[in-house]
């Protein structure tokens, strides 16, 4: 018997899809981005990455994905 290992990117993309589905039901589940301090600018952690999104007028807009160690910079 053997076990096939999935590439890390597959596991990360699976986690991303799970988080996006949760986000549809709970759009304010992400924390407010500390660098910006705007109530509509939020983030979810997906592995070692920050999924950055804006939740405004009942609409979720993903604006970026950044590694946690990288500075946010301009979005």
N, C-alpha and C. Protein backbone atom coordinates (compact mmCIF):
# COMPACT_ATOMS: atom_id res chain seq x y z
N UNK A 1 0.85 -1.18 0.00
CA UNK A 1 0.00 0.00 0.00
C UNK A 1 0.90 1.25 0.00
N UNK A 2 0.49 2.27 -0.70
CA UNK A 2 1.26 3.51 -0.74
C UNK A 2 0.33 4.69 -0.63
N UNK A 3 0.92 5.80 -0.26
CA UNK A 3 0.16 7.04 -0.07
C UNK A 3 0.73 8.09 -1.03
N UNK A 4 -0.13 8.68 -1.82
CA UNK A 4 0.30 9.71 -2.77
C UNK A 4 0.25 11.07 -2.06
N UNK A 5 1.38 11.75 -2.05
CA UNK A 5 1.43 13.09 -1.45
C UNK A 5 0.97 14.12 -2.46
N UNK A 6 0.14 15.02 -2.01
CA UNK A 6 -0.31 16.11 -2.87
C UNK A 6 0.67 17.26 -2.75
N UNK A 7 0.92 17.95 -3.83
CA UNK A 7 1.82 19.12 -3.76
C UNK A 7 1.26 20.15 -2.78
N UNK A 8 2.15 20.89 -2.10
CA UNK A 8 1.69 21.90 -1.12
C UNK A 8 0.72 22.92 -1.72
N UNK A 9 0.89 23.23 -2.99
CA UNK A 9 0.00 24.22 -3.60
C UNK A 9 -1.44 23.70 -3.64
N UNK A 10 -1.62 22.40 -3.78
CA UNK A 10 -2.98 21.83 -3.76
C UNK A 10 -3.63 22.01 -2.40
N UNK A 11 -2.87 21.74 -1.34
CA UNK A 11 -3.40 21.91 0.01
C UNK A 11 -3.74 23.38 0.27
N UNK A 12 -2.87 24.29 -0.20
CA UNK A 12 -3.12 25.72 0.01
C UNK A 12 -4.36 26.16 -0.77
N UNK A 13 -4.49 25.71 -2.00
CA UNK A 13 -5.65 26.12 -2.80
C UNK A 13 -6.94 25.54 -2.21
N UNK A 14 -6.87 24.34 -1.64
CA UNK A 14 -8.05 23.77 -0.97
C UNK A 14 -8.45 24.63 0.22
N UNK A 15 -7.45 25.06 1.00
CA UNK A 15 -7.73 25.92 2.14
C UNK A 15 -8.30 27.26 1.69
N UNK A 16 -7.77 27.80 0.60
CA UNK A 16 -8.28 29.06 0.05
C UNK A 16 -9.75 28.93 -0.34
N UNK A 17 -10.10 27.86 -1.01
CA UNK A 17 -11.49 27.65 -1.42
C UNK A 17 -12.39 27.53 -0.19
N UNK A 18 -11.95 26.81 0.84
CA UNK A 18 -12.74 26.68 2.07
C UNK A 18 -12.96 28.05 2.72
N UNK A 19 -11.90 28.85 2.78
CA UNK A 19 -12.03 30.17 3.41
C UNK A 19 -12.94 31.09 2.60
N UNK A 20 -12.86 31.02 1.28
CA UNK A 20 -13.71 31.86 0.45
C UNK A 20 -15.18 31.48 0.61
N UNK A 21 -15.46 30.19 0.74
CA UNK A 21 -16.84 29.75 0.97
C UNK A 21 -17.36 30.25 2.31
N UNK A 22 -16.52 30.18 3.34
CA UNK A 22 -16.91 30.72 4.64
C UNK A 22 -17.16 32.22 4.56
N UNK A 23 -16.30 32.88 3.81
CA UNK A 23 -16.40 34.33 3.67
C UNK A 23 -17.74 34.74 3.05
N UNK A 24 -18.26 33.92 2.14
CA UNK A 24 -19.57 34.22 1.54
C UNK A 24 -20.65 34.31 2.61
N UNK A 25 -20.59 33.43 3.61
CA UNK A 25 -21.60 33.41 4.66
C UNK A 25 -21.30 34.37 5.80
N UNK A 26 -20.01 34.60 6.04
CA UNK A 26 -19.58 35.44 7.16
C UNK A 26 -18.56 36.48 6.67
N UNK A 27 -19.00 37.48 5.93
CA UNK A 27 -18.06 38.42 5.31
C UNK A 27 -17.24 39.25 6.28
N UNK A 28 -17.68 39.36 7.53
CA UNK A 28 -16.92 40.15 8.49
C UNK A 28 -16.05 39.27 9.39
N UNK A 29 -15.85 38.00 9.00
CA UNK A 29 -15.06 37.10 9.82
C UNK A 29 -13.57 37.45 9.82
N UNK A 30 -13.11 38.09 8.79
CA UNK A 30 -11.70 38.50 8.74
C UNK A 30 -11.46 39.67 9.67
N UNK A 31 -10.23 39.77 10.13
CA UNK A 31 -9.93 40.90 11.02
C UNK A 31 -9.66 42.15 10.19
N UNK A 32 -9.86 43.29 10.81
CA UNK A 32 -9.53 44.56 10.16
C UNK A 32 -8.02 44.60 9.96
N UNK A 33 -7.58 45.01 8.79
CA UNK A 33 -6.15 45.06 8.48
C UNK A 33 -5.50 46.10 9.39
N UNK A 34 -4.57 45.67 10.25
CA UNK A 34 -4.00 46.59 11.24
C UNK A 34 -3.30 47.81 10.63
N UNK A 35 -2.66 47.63 9.49
CA UNK A 35 -1.93 48.75 8.88
C UNK A 35 -2.86 49.84 8.36
N UNK A 36 -4.10 49.51 8.10
CA UNK A 36 -5.03 50.47 7.48
C UNK A 36 -6.09 50.99 8.45
N UNK A 37 -6.52 50.16 9.41
CA UNK A 37 -7.54 50.55 10.39
C UNK A 37 -8.81 51.10 9.75
N UNK A 38 -9.26 50.45 8.69
CA UNK A 38 -10.53 50.80 8.05
C UNK A 38 -11.47 49.61 8.24
N UNK A 39 -12.67 49.85 8.71
CA UNK A 39 -13.57 48.75 9.05
C UNK A 39 -13.95 47.88 7.86
N UNK A 40 -13.87 48.40 6.66
CA UNK A 40 -14.25 47.63 5.47
C UNK A 40 -13.06 46.90 4.83
N UNK A 41 -11.83 47.17 5.28
CA UNK A 41 -10.63 46.54 4.72
C UNK A 41 -10.19 45.43 5.67
N UNK A 42 -10.32 44.18 5.23
CA UNK A 42 -10.14 43.03 6.12
C UNK A 42 -9.17 42.02 5.53
N UNK A 43 -8.79 41.05 6.38
CA UNK A 43 -7.89 40.00 5.92
C UNK A 43 -8.24 38.67 6.58
N UNK A 44 -7.96 37.62 5.84
CA UNK A 44 -8.05 36.25 6.35
C UNK A 44 -6.69 35.61 6.13
N UNK A 45 -6.26 34.80 7.07
CA UNK A 45 -5.01 34.08 6.89
C UNK A 45 -5.30 32.75 6.20
N UNK A 46 -4.51 32.50 5.17
CA UNK A 46 -4.60 31.24 4.42
C UNK A 46 -3.17 30.70 4.37
N UNK A 47 -2.89 29.73 5.22
CA UNK A 47 -1.51 29.26 5.33
C UNK A 47 -0.64 30.42 5.80
N UNK A 48 0.44 30.68 5.09
CA UNK A 48 1.34 31.78 5.43
C UNK A 48 1.03 33.06 4.67
N UNK A 49 -0.16 33.15 4.11
CA UNK A 49 -0.53 34.29 3.29
C UNK A 49 -1.73 35.02 3.86
N UNK A 50 -1.81 36.30 3.55
CA UNK A 50 -2.92 37.15 3.94
C UNK A 50 -3.81 37.37 2.71
N UNK A 51 -5.05 36.96 2.81
CA UNK A 51 -6.04 37.24 1.77
C UNK A 51 -6.68 38.57 2.14
N UNK A 52 -6.43 39.60 1.36
CA UNK A 52 -6.90 40.95 1.66
C UNK A 52 -8.17 41.22 0.85
N UNK A 53 -9.18 41.73 1.54
CA UNK A 53 -10.45 41.99 0.85
C UNK A 53 -11.15 43.20 1.43
N UNK A 54 -12.03 43.74 0.63
CA UNK A 54 -12.88 44.85 1.04
C UNK A 54 -14.30 44.34 1.10
N UNK A 55 -14.97 44.62 2.20
CA UNK A 55 -16.39 44.28 2.34
C UNK A 55 -17.15 45.59 2.50
N UNK A 56 -17.86 45.96 1.45
CA UNK A 56 -18.54 47.25 1.43
C UNK A 56 -19.84 47.10 0.64
N UNK A 57 -20.92 47.59 1.18
CA UNK A 57 -22.24 47.54 0.52
C UNK A 57 -22.61 46.11 0.12
N UNK A 58 -22.42 45.17 1.06
CA UNK A 58 -22.75 43.76 0.86
C UNK A 58 -22.00 43.11 -0.30
N UNK A 59 -20.84 43.65 -0.64
CA UNK A 59 -20.02 43.11 -1.73
C UNK A 59 -18.62 42.84 -1.19
N UNK A 60 -18.10 41.65 -1.50
CA UNK A 60 -16.74 41.28 -1.13
C UNK A 60 -15.86 41.39 -2.36
N UNK A 61 -14.77 42.14 -2.25
CA UNK A 61 -13.81 42.29 -3.35
C UNK A 61 -12.44 41.90 -2.83
N UNK A 62 -11.88 40.82 -3.38
CA UNK A 62 -10.52 40.43 -3.01
C UNK A 62 -9.56 41.37 -3.73
N UNK A 63 -8.68 42.00 -2.94
CA UNK A 63 -7.77 43.00 -3.52
C UNK A 63 -6.32 42.53 -3.54
N UNK A 64 -6.03 41.41 -2.89
CA UNK A 64 -4.66 40.93 -2.94
C UNK A 64 -4.40 39.75 -2.04
N UNK A 65 -3.28 39.10 -2.30
CA UNK A 65 -2.77 38.02 -1.47
C UNK A 65 -1.30 38.31 -1.25
N UNK A 66 -0.90 38.41 0.01
CA UNK A 66 0.49 38.74 0.35
C UNK A 66 1.02 37.75 1.37
N UNK A 67 2.30 37.43 1.27
CA UNK A 67 2.93 36.60 2.29
C UNK A 67 2.93 37.40 3.59
N UNK A 68 2.75 36.70 4.70
CA UNK A 68 2.67 37.39 6.00
C UNK A 68 3.94 38.16 6.32
N UNK A 69 5.09 37.71 5.83
CA UNK A 69 6.36 38.38 6.13
C UNK A 69 6.58 39.62 5.26
N UNK A 70 5.79 39.79 4.22
CA UNK A 70 5.96 40.94 3.32
C UNK A 70 5.19 42.15 3.83
N UNK A 71 5.78 43.33 3.72
CA UNK A 71 5.04 44.53 4.11
C UNK A 71 3.83 44.72 3.19
N UNK A 72 2.80 45.31 3.71
CA UNK A 72 1.57 45.48 2.94
C UNK A 72 1.77 46.41 1.75
N UNK A 73 2.43 47.52 1.95
CA UNK A 73 2.64 48.45 0.85
C UNK A 73 1.32 49.06 0.40
N UNK A 74 1.27 49.43 -0.87
CA UNK A 74 0.05 50.06 -1.42
C UNK A 74 -0.85 48.98 -2.01
N UNK A 75 -2.11 49.11 -1.75
CA UNK A 75 -3.12 48.21 -2.33
C UNK A 75 -4.10 49.06 -3.11
